Amino acid sequence: MSRASSLYRLQEIDLALDSRRTRLGEVEVALQENLEVQEARAALAAAETERANAQKAAMLAELDVQATVEKHGGVQKLLYGGTVRNPKELQDLQNEAAALLRRRSTLEDRQLEAMILLETADARLGKAQDALAAAEGDFATRCSSLLAEKSGLEMEIGNREMEREASEAQVLTEDREVYARLRKSKRGVAVARLSRGACSACGVAPSAQRIASARSQGEVIRCGNCDRILFVDSGPQSSD
């Protein structure tokens, strides 16, 4: 195996590792964060607050009605109990009784509105609970799939890392240093295949003499334009 072909094979493994590690990171993020569940929980919290406020308003409205009914009953007792005989006091009691009846009617209307709002809040709370259960169920299903994918990616990465270690051992130290430097500066692609007599990365063709030298003597040649290592091989390109 030539020096360039060893570097090219090493790069194939590195690029495969890059893609698997990127995907693994995406899977791990997806397992930790779920916007739908977070939104459903926030909606449930808002619905619970709305329901609590509606329940409190309904209870207060009921207490107001009860207090007015009791007060009206006390006035009626005084009015018809025979203990009050003064005409002016009796008239005042009649006026107060009439005012309490009007207030009771108003308060009962408010109580009805509060009960309607409570029923509406109950319905919204139920929908929010159902929405959260559905979101959590969907997330659990996706988590199962993502966990399986995560396990597969971790296993493949482990295998690729062992393969890389074996492949790197076949690369000369000086070539390894150049490769590492180019990988960093060329966005992961340090080696380019020579395709139809030109660099597959930038399209510039080296001289025929340099290509022949690389084929016959196994020398490492660099693209004069993009500076990548050129893998000169007449065979088909391998895939990861």
C-alpha atoms as a PDB file:
ATOM      1  CA  MET A   1       0.000   0.000   0.000  1.00  0.00           C
ATOM      2  CA  SER A   2       1.439   3.375  -1.031  1.00  0.00           C
ATOM      3  CA  ARG A   3       1.888   6.259   1.374  1.00  0.00           C
ATOM      4  CA  ALA A   4      -0.924   8.228  -0.252  1.00  0.00           C
ATOM      5  CA  SER A   5      -3.287   5.261  -0.242  1.00  0.00           C
ATOM      6  CA  SER A   6      -2.601   4.720   3.476  1.00  0.00           C
ATOM      7  CA  LEU A   7      -3.442   8.365   4.127  1.00  0.00           C
ATOM      8  CA  TYR A   8      -6.537   8.167   1.951  1.00  0.00           C
ATOM      9  CA  ARG A   9      -7.787   5.116   3.863  1.00  0.00           C
ATOM     10  CA  LEU A  10      -7.090   6.868   7.149  1.00  0.00           C
ATOM     11  CA  GLN A  11      -9.108   9.841   5.942  1.00  0.00           C
ATOM     12  CA  GLU A  12     -12.035   7.618   4.949  1.00  0.00           C
ATOM     13  CA  ILE A  13     -12.140   6.327   8.515  1.00  0.00           C
ATOM     14  CA  ASP A  14     -11.804   9.845   9.975  1.00  0.00           C
ATOM     15  CA  LEU A  15     -14.613  11.205   7.811  1.00  0.00           C
ATOM     16  CA  ALA A  16     -16.834   8.300   8.815  1.00  0.00           C
ATOM     17  CA  LEU A  17     -16.003   9.009  12.455  1.00  0.00           C
ATOM     18  CA  ASP A  18     -16.754  12.711  11.958  1.00  0.00           C
ATOM     19  CA  SER A  19     -20.225  11.989  10.604  1.00  0.00           C
ATOM     20  CA  ARG A  20     -21.039   9.414  13.290  1.00  0.00           C
ATOM     21  CA  ARG A  21     -19.854  11.669  16.105  1.00  0.00           C
ATOM     22  CA  THR A  22     -21.860  14.586  14.727  1.00  0.00           C
ATOM     23  CA  ARG A  23     -24.975  12.444  14.557  1.00  0.00           C
ATOM     24  CA  LEU A  24     -24.330  11.077  18.045  1.00  0.00           C
ATOM     25  CA  GLY A  25     -24.208  14.636  19.364  1.00  0.00           C
ATOM     26  CA  GLU A  26     -27.535  15.411  17.666  1.00  0.00           C
ATOM     27  CA  VAL A  27     -29.112  12.297  19.161  1.00  0.00           C
ATOM     28  CA  GLU A  28     -27.872  13.162  22.651  1.00  0.00           C
ATOM     29  CA  VAL A  29     -29.311  16.676  22.354  1.00  0.00           C
ATOM     30  CA  ALA A  30     -32.622  15.269  21.129  1.00  0.00           C
ATOM     31  CA  LEU A  31     -32.747  12.920  24.118  1.00  0.00           C
ATOM     32  CA  GLN A  32     -32.218  15.796  26.557  1.00  0.00           C
ATOM     33  CA  GLU A  33     -34.433  18.474  25.057  1.00  0.00           C
ATOM     34  CA  ASN A  34     -37.961  18.243  23.704  1.00  0.00           C
ATOM     35  CA  LEU A  35     -39.726  21.456  22.801  1.00  0.00           C
ATOM     36  CA  GLU A  36     -43.174  19.854  22.466  1.00  0.00           C
ATOM     37  CA  VAL A  37     -43.059  18.415  25.991  1.00  0.00           C
ATOM     38  CA  GLN A  38     -41.746  21.668  27.442  1.00  0.00           C
ATOM     39  CA  GLU A  39     -44.518  23.650  25.739  1.00  0.00           C
ATOM     40  CA  ALA A  40     -47.150  21.140  26.879  1.00  0.00           C
ATOM     41  CA  ARG A  41     -45.927  21.382  30.466  1.00  0.00           C
ATOM     42  CA  ALA A  42     -45.996  25.174  30.319  1.00  0.00           C
ATOM     43  CA  ALA A  43     -49.540  25.069  28.907  1.00  0.00           C
ATOM     44  CA  LEU A  44     -50.595  22.693  31.688  1.00  0.00           C
ATOM     45  CA  ALA A  45     -49.118  24.973  34.342  1.00  0.00           C
ATOM     46  CA  ALA A  46     -51.013  27.933  32.864  1.00  0.00           C
ATOM     47  CA  ALA A  47     -54.233  25.894  32.759  1.00  0.00           C
ATOM     48  CA  GLU A  48     -53.770  24.833  36.381  1.00  0.00           C
ATOM     49  CA  THR A  49     -53.269  28.457  37.422  1.00  0.00           C
ATOM     50  CA  GLU A  50     -56.348  29.518  35.459  1.00  0.00           C
ATOM     51  CA  ARG A  51     -58.404  26.741  37.034  1.00  0.00           C
ATOM     52  CA  ALA A  52     -57.239  27.622  40.555  1.00  0.00           C
ATOM     53  CA  ASN A  53     -58.134  31.283  40.027  1.00  0.00           C
ATOM     54  CA  ALA A  54     -61.526  30.347  38.571  1.00  0.00           C
ATOM     55  CA  GLN A  55     -62.243  28.008  41.477  1.00  0.00           C
ATOM     56  CA  LYS A  56     -61.318  30.707  43.983  1.00  0.00           C
ATOM     57  CA  ALA A  57     -63.565  33.238  42.226  1.00  0.00           C
ATOM     58  CA  ALA A  58     -66.459  30.738  42.191  1.00  0.00           C
ATOM     59  CA  MET A  59     -66.029  30.005  45.912  1.00  0.00           C
ATOM     60  CA  LEU A  60     -65.946  33.714  46.782  1.00  0.00           C
ATOM     61  CA  ALA A  61     -69.044  34.331  44.663  1.00  0.00           C
ATOM     62  CA  GLU A  62     -70.841  31.497  46.458  1.00  0.00           C
ATOM     63  CA  LEU A  63     -69.829  32.882  49.852  1.00  0.00           C
ATOM     64  CA  ASP A  64     -71.090  36.343  48.879  1.00  0.00           C
ATOM     65  CA  VAL A  65     -74.453  34.885  47.867  1.00  0.00           C
ATOM     66  CA  GLN A  66     -74.697  32.856  51.087  1.00  0.00           C
ATOM     67  CA  ALA A  67     -73.816  35.891  53.196  1.00  0.00           C
ATOM     68  CA  THR A  68     -76.465  37.982  51.438  1.00  0.00           C
ATOM     69  CA  VAL A  69     -79.095  35.248  51.845  1.00  0.00           C
ATOM     70  CA  GLU A  70     -78.315  34.970  55.560  1.00  0.00           C
ATOM     71  CA  LYS A  71     -78.399  38.723  56.014  1.00  0.00           C
ATOM     72  CA  HIS A  72     -81.716  38.946  54.162  1.00  0.00           C
ATOM     73  CA  GLY A  73     -83.094  36.199  56.391  1.00  0.00           C
ATOM     74  CA  GLY A  74     -82.083  38.178  59.489  1.00  0.00           C
ATOM     75  CA  VAL A  75     -83.777  41.306  58.170  1.00  0.00           C
ATOM     76  CA  GLN A  76     -86.907  39.338  57.334  1.00  0.00           C
ATOM     77  CA  LYS A  77     -86.943  37.916  60.855  1.00  0.00           C
ATOM     78  CA  LEU A  78     -86.782  41.384  62.344  1.00  0.00           C
ATOM     79  CA  LEU A  79     -89.362  42.678  59.903  1.00  0.00           C
ATOM     80  CA  TYR A  80     -91.950  40.019  60.648  1.00  0.00           C
ATOM     81  CA  GLY A  81     -90.895  38.903  64.107  1.00  0.00           C
ATOM     82  CA  GLY A  82     -92.949  41.504  65.905  1.00  0.00           C
ATOM     83  CA  THR A  83     -90.060  42.921  67.878  1.00  0.00           C
ATOM     84  CA  VAL A  84     -89.859  46.068  65.754  1.00  0.00           C
ATOM     85  CA  ARG A  85     -92.967  48.241  65.880  1.00  0.00           C
ATOM     86  CA  ASN A  86     -91.718  51.693  64.971  1.00  0.00           C
ATOM     87  CA  PRO A  87     -93.080  52.541  61.462  1.00  0.00           C
ATOM     88  CA  LYS A  88     -89.851  54.248  60.369  1.00  0.00           C
ATOM     89  CA  GLU A  89     -87.743  51.313  61.516  1.00  0.00           C
ATOM     90  CA  LEU A  90     -90.081  48.922  59.744  1.00  0.00           C
ATOM     91  CA  GLN A  91     -89.806  50.951  56.552  1.00  0.00           C
ATOM     92  CA  ASP A  92     -86.031  50.941  56.830  1.00  0.00           C
ATOM     93  CA  LEU A  93     -86.072  47.177  57.239  1.00  0.00           C
ATOM     94  CA  GLN A  94     -88.300  46.806  54.171  1.00  0.00           C
ATOM     95  CA  ASN A  95     -85.944  48.969  52.151  1.00  0.00           C
ATOM     96  CA  GLU A  96     -82.953  46.985  53.373  1.00  0.00           C
ATOM     97  CA  ALA A  97     -84.690  43.696  52.530  1.00  0.00           C
ATOM     98  CA  ALA A  98     -85.461  44.926  49.008  1.00  0.00           C
ATOM     99  CA  ALA A  99     -81.845  46.120  48.557  1.00  0.00           C
ATOM    100  CA  LEU A 100     -80.544  42.727  49.731  1.00  0.00           C
ATOM    101  CA  LEU A 101     -82.792  40.949  47.242  1.00  0.00           C
ATOM    102  CA  ARG A 102     -81.416  43.108  44.431  1.00  0.00           C
ATOM    103  CA  ARG A 103     -77.869  42.486  45.623  1.00  0.00           C
ATOM    104  CA  ARG A 104     -78.572  38.762  45.825  1.00  0.00           C
ATOM    105  CA  SER A 105     -79.748  38.765  42.212  1.00  0.00           C
ATOM    106  CA  THR A 106     -76.602  40.583  41.118  1.00  0.00           C
ATOM    107  CA  LEU A 107     -74.382  38.254  43.110  1.00  0.00           C
ATOM    108  CA  GLU A 108     -76.136  35.167  41.730  1.00  0.00           C
ATOM    109  CA  ASP A 109     -75.474  36.447  38.200  1.00  0.00           C
ATOM    110  CA  ARG A 110     -71.805  36.845  39.112  1.00  0.00           C
ATOM    111  CA  GLN A 111     -71.806  33.390  40.652  1.00  0.00           C
ATOM    112  CA  LEU A 112     -73.213  31.923  37.439  1.00  0.00           C
ATOM    113  CA  GLU A 113     -70.496  33.688  35.404  1.00  0.00           C
ATOM    114  CA  ALA A 114     -67.857  32.370  37.796  1.00  0.00           C
ATOM    115  CA  MET A 115     -69.208  28.826  37.463  1.00  0.00           C
ATOM    116  CA  ILE A 116     -69.132  29.082  33.663  1.00  0.00           C
ATOM    117  CA  LEU A 117     -65.534  30.297  33.822  1.00  0.00           C
ATOM    118  CA  LEU A 118     -64.695  27.407  36.150  1.00  0.00           C
ATOM    119  CA  GLU A 119     -66.230  24.909  33.728  1.00  0.00           C
ATOM    120  CA  THR A 120     -64.236  26.467  30.891  1.00  0.00           C
ATOM    121  CA  ALA A 121     -61.058  26.293  32.971  1.00  0.00           C
ATOM    122  CA  ASP A 122     -61.787  22.630  33.808  1.00  0.00           C
ATOM    123  CA  ALA A 123     -62.143  21.849  30.098  1.00  0.00           C
ATOM    124  CA  ARG A 124     -58.891  23.637  29.253  1.00  0.00           C
ATOM    125  CA  LEU A 125     -57.124  21.822  32.071  1.00  0.00           C
ATOM    126  CA  GLY A 126     -58.342  18.477  30.756  1.00  0.00           C
ATOM    127  CA  LYS A 127     -57.139  19.301  27.243  1.00  0.00           C
ATOM    128  CA  ALA A 128     -53.772  20.446  28.585  1.00  0.00           C
ATOM    129  CA  GLN A 129     -53.393  17.200  30.553  1.00  0.00           C
ATOM    130  CA  ASP A 130     -54.246  15.160  27.444  1.00  0.00           C
ATOM    131  CA  ALA A 131     -51.821  17.200  25.323  1.00  0.00           C
ATOM    132  CA  LEU A 132     -48.997  16.653  27.810  1.00  0.00           C
ATOM    133  CA  ALA A 133     -49.705  12.912  27.988  1.00  0.00           C
ATOM    134  CA  ALA A 134     -49.642  12.727  24.172  1.00  0.00           C
ATOM    135  CA  ALA A 135     -46.414  14.749  23.934  1.00  0.00           C
ATOM    136  CA  GLU A 136     -44.724  12.612  26.570  1.00  0.00           C
ATOM    137  CA  GLY A 137     -45.930   9.460  24.824  1.00  0.00           C
ATOM    138  CA  ASP A 138     -44.572  10.638  21.470  1.00  0.00           C
ATOM    139  CA  PHE A 139     -41.288  11.592  23.120  1.00  0.00           C
ATOM    140  CA  ALA A 140     -41.025   8.210  24.821  1.00  0.00           C
ATOM    141  CA  THR A 141     -41.540   6.484  21.467  1.00  0.00           C
ATOM    142  CA  ARG A 142     -38.907   8.655  19.831  1.00  0.00           C
ATOM    143  CA  CYS A 143     -36.580   8.125  22.784  1.00  0.00           C
ATOM    144  CA  SER A 144     -36.784   4.390  22.260  1.00  0.00           C
ATOM    145  CA  SER A 145     -35.728   4.827  18.642  1.00  0.00           C
ATOM    146  CA  LEU A 146     -33.075   7.396  19.520  1.00  0.00           C
ATOM    147  CA  LEU A 147     -31.614   5.229  22.276  1.00  0.00           C
ATOM    148  CA  ALA A 148     -31.317   2.343  19.840  1.00  0.00           C
ATOM    149  CA  GLU A 149     -29.622   4.642  17.325  1.00  0.00           C
ATOM    150  CA  LYS A 150     -27.315   5.999  20.050  1.00  0.00           C
ATOM    151  CA  SER A 151     -26.263   2.488  21.010  1.00  0.00           C
ATOM    152  CA  GLY A 152     -25.572   1.621  17.380  1.00  0.00           C
ATOM    153  CA  LEU A 153     -23.572   4.794  16.806  1.00  0.00           C
ATOM    154  CA  GLU A 154     -21.471   4.237  19.917  1.00  0.00           C
ATOM    155  CA  MET A 155     -20.697   0.687  18.838  1.00  0.00           C
ATOM    156  CA  GLU A 156     -19.800   1.778  15.317  1.00  0.00           C
ATOM    157  CA  ILE A 157     -17.616   4.613  16.618  1.00  0.00           C
ATOM    158  CA  GLY A 158     -15.786   2.165  18.855  1.00  0.00           C
ATOM    159  CA  ASN A 159     -15.166  -0.189  15.937  1.00  0.00           C
ATOM    160  CA  ARG A 160     -14.049   2.679  13.697  1.00  0.00           C
ATOM    161  CA  GLU A 161     -11.653   3.933  16.363  1.00  0.00           C
ATOM    162  CA  MET A 162      -9.997   0.527  16.542  1.00  0.00           C
ATOM    163  CA  GLU A 163      -9.850   0.422  12.750  1.00  0.00           C
ATOM    164  CA  ARG A 164      -8.308   3.885  12.738  1.00  0.00           C
ATOM    165  CA  GLU A 165      -5.643   2.870  15.218  1.00  0.00           C
ATOM    166  CA  ALA A 166      -4.621  -0.022  12.972  1.00  0.00           C
ATOM    167  CA  SER A 167      -4.719   2.150   9.860  1.00  0.00           C
ATOM    168  CA  GLU A 168      -2.718   4.975  11.445  1.00  0.00           C
ATOM    169  CA  ALA A 169       0.014   2.528  12.389  1.00  0.00           C
ATOM    170  CA  GLN A 170       0.672   2.042   8.673  1.00  0.00           C
ATOM    171  CA  VAL A 171       1.281   5.773   8.101  1.00  0.00           C
ATOM    172  CA  LEU A 172       4.745   7.254   8.394  1.00  0.00           C
ATOM    173  CA  THR A 173       5.183   9.714  11.250  1.00  0.00           C
ATOM    174  CA  GLU A 174       6.097  12.567   8.901  1.00  0.00           C
ATOM    175  CA  ASP A 175       3.048  11.869   6.720  1.00  0.00           C
ATOM    176  CA  ARG A 176       0.834  11.647   9.810  1.00  0.00           C
ATOM    177  CA  GLU A 177       1.922  15.132  10.922  1.00  0.00           C
ATOM    178  CA  VAL A 178       1.231  16.632   7.492  1.00  0.00           C
ATOM    179  CA  TYR A 179      -2.115  14.862   7.351  1.00  0.00           C
ATOM    180  CA  ALA A 180      -3.151  16.117  10.792  1.00  0.00           C
ATOM    181  CA  ARG A 181      -2.219  19.677   9.886  1.00  0.00           C
ATOM    182  CA  LEU A 182      -4.116  19.556   6.590  1.00  0.00           C
ATOM    183  CA  ARG A 183      -7.149  17.938   8.226  1.00  0.00           C
ATOM    184  CA  LYS A 184      -7.329  20.910  10.548  1.00  0.00           C
ATOM    185  CA  SER A 185      -6.855  23.565   7.876  1.00  0.00           C
ATOM    186  CA  LYS A 186      -8.903  21.901   5.092  1.00  0.00           C
ATOM    187  CA  ARG A 187     -12.108  21.217   7.021  1.00  0.00           C
ATOM    188  CA  GLY A 188     -11.351  17.561   7.513  1.00  0.00           C
ATOM    189  CA  VAL A 189     -10.316  16.752   3.941  1.00  0.00           C
ATOM    190  CA  ALA A 190      -6.539  16.439   3.774  1.00  0.00           C
ATOM    191  CA  VAL A 191      -6.370  13.943   0.908  1.00  0.00           C
ATOM    192  CA  ALA A 192      -8.061  14.328  -2.480  1.00  0.00           C
ATOM    193  CA  ARG A 193      -8.418  11.620  -5.085  1.00  0.00           C
ATOM    194  CA  LEU A 194      -6.980  12.314  -8.505  1.00  0.00           C
ATOM    195  CA  SER A 195     -10.019  12.127 -10.755  1.00  0.00           C
ATOM    196  CA  ARG A 196      -9.621  12.290 -14.539  1.00  0.00           C
ATOM    197  CA  GLY A 197      -6.153  13.707 -14.101  1.00  0.00           C
ATOM    198  CA  ALA A 198      -7.238  16.522 -11.752  1.00  0.00           C
ATOM    199  CA  CYS A 199      -7.584  17.137  -8.021  1.00  0.00           C
ATOM    200  CA  SER A 200     -11.116  16.129  -7.006  1.00  0.00           C
ATOM    201  CA  ALA A 201     -11.158  18.903  -4.375  1.00  0.00           C
ATOM    202  CA  CYS A 202     -10.249  21.933  -6.503  1.00  0.00           C
ATOM    203  CA  GLY A 203     -10.088  20.666 -10.087  1.00  0.00           C
ATOM    204  CA  VAL A 204      -6.474  21.641 -10.813  1.00  0.00           C
ATOM    205  CA  ALA A 205      -4.378  19.002 -12.639  1.00  0.00           C
ATOM    206  CA  PRO A 206      -0.764  18.219 -11.657  1.00  0.00           C
ATOM    207  CA  SER A 207       1.784  17.465 -14.369  1.00  0.00           C
ATOM    208  CA  ALA A 208       1.782  14.072 -15.997  1.00  0.00           C
ATOM    209  CA  GLN A 209       5.362  13.548 -14.822  1.00  0.00           C
ATOM    210  CA  ARG A 210       4.409  14.044 -11.181  1.00  0.00           C
ATOM    211  CA  ILE A 211       1.470  11.685 -11.556  1.00  0.00           C
ATOM    212  CA  ALA A 212       3.687   9.049 -13.140  1.00  0.00           C
ATOM    213  CA  SER A 213       6.228   9.465 -10.365  1.00  0.00           C
ATOM    214  CA  ALA A 214       3.558   9.004  -7.736  1.00  0.00           C
ATOM    215  CA  ARG A 215       2.316   5.842  -9.446  1.00  0.00           C
ATOM    216  CA  SER A 216       5.704   4.277 -10.068  1.00  0.00           C
ATOM    217  CA  GLN A 217       7.591   5.307  -6.941  1.00  0.00           C
ATOM    218  CA  GLY A 218       4.757   5.792  -4.487  1.00  0.00           C
ATOM    219  CA  GLU A 219       5.750   9.377  -3.714  1.00  0.00           C
ATOM    220  CA  VAL A 220       3.368  11.681  -1.903  1.00  0.00           C
ATOM    221  CA  ILE A 221       2.510  14.594  -4.153  1.00  0.00           C
ATOM    222  CA  ARG A 222       0.528  17.695  -3.195  1.00  0.00           C
ATOM    223  CA  CYS A 223      -1.937  19.666  -5.257  1.00  0.00           C
ATOM    224  CA  GLY A 224      -0.247  22.836  -6.448  1.00  0.00           C
ATOM    225  CA  ASN A 225      -3.458  24.772  -5.956  1.00  0.00           C
ATOM    226  CA  CYS A 226      -5.168  23.626  -2.717  1.00  0.00           C
ATOM    227  CA  ASP A 227      -2.082  21.935  -1.190  1.00  0.00           C
ATOM    228  CA  ARG A 228      -3.955  18.725  -0.373  1.00  0.00           C
ATOM    229  CA  ILE A 229      -2.258  15.348  -0.637  1.00  0.00           C
ATOM    230  CA  LEU A 230      -3.229  13.657  -3.899  1.00  0.00           C
ATOM    231  CA  PHE A 231      -4.217  10.010  -3.931  1.00  0.00           C
ATOM    232  CA  VAL A 232      -3.234   8.746  -7.377  1.00  0.00           C
ATOM    233  CA  ASP A 233      -4.972   5.496  -8.160  1.00  0.00           C
ATOM    234  CA  SER A 234      -6.588   4.127 -11.291  1.00  0.00           C
ATOM    235  CA  GLY A 235      -9.051   1.996  -9.374  1.00  0.00           C
ATOM    236  CA  PRO A 236     -12.547   3.009  -8.173  1.00  0.00           C
ATOM    237  CA  GLN A 237     -12.893   5.138  -5.053  1.00  0.00           C
ATOM    238  CA  SER A 238     -13.699   3.141  -1.921  1.00  0.00           C
ATOM    239  CA  SER A 239     -16.553   4.100   0.352  1.00  0.00           C
ATOM    240  CA  ASP A 240     -16.974   4.063   4.101  1.00  0.00           C
END
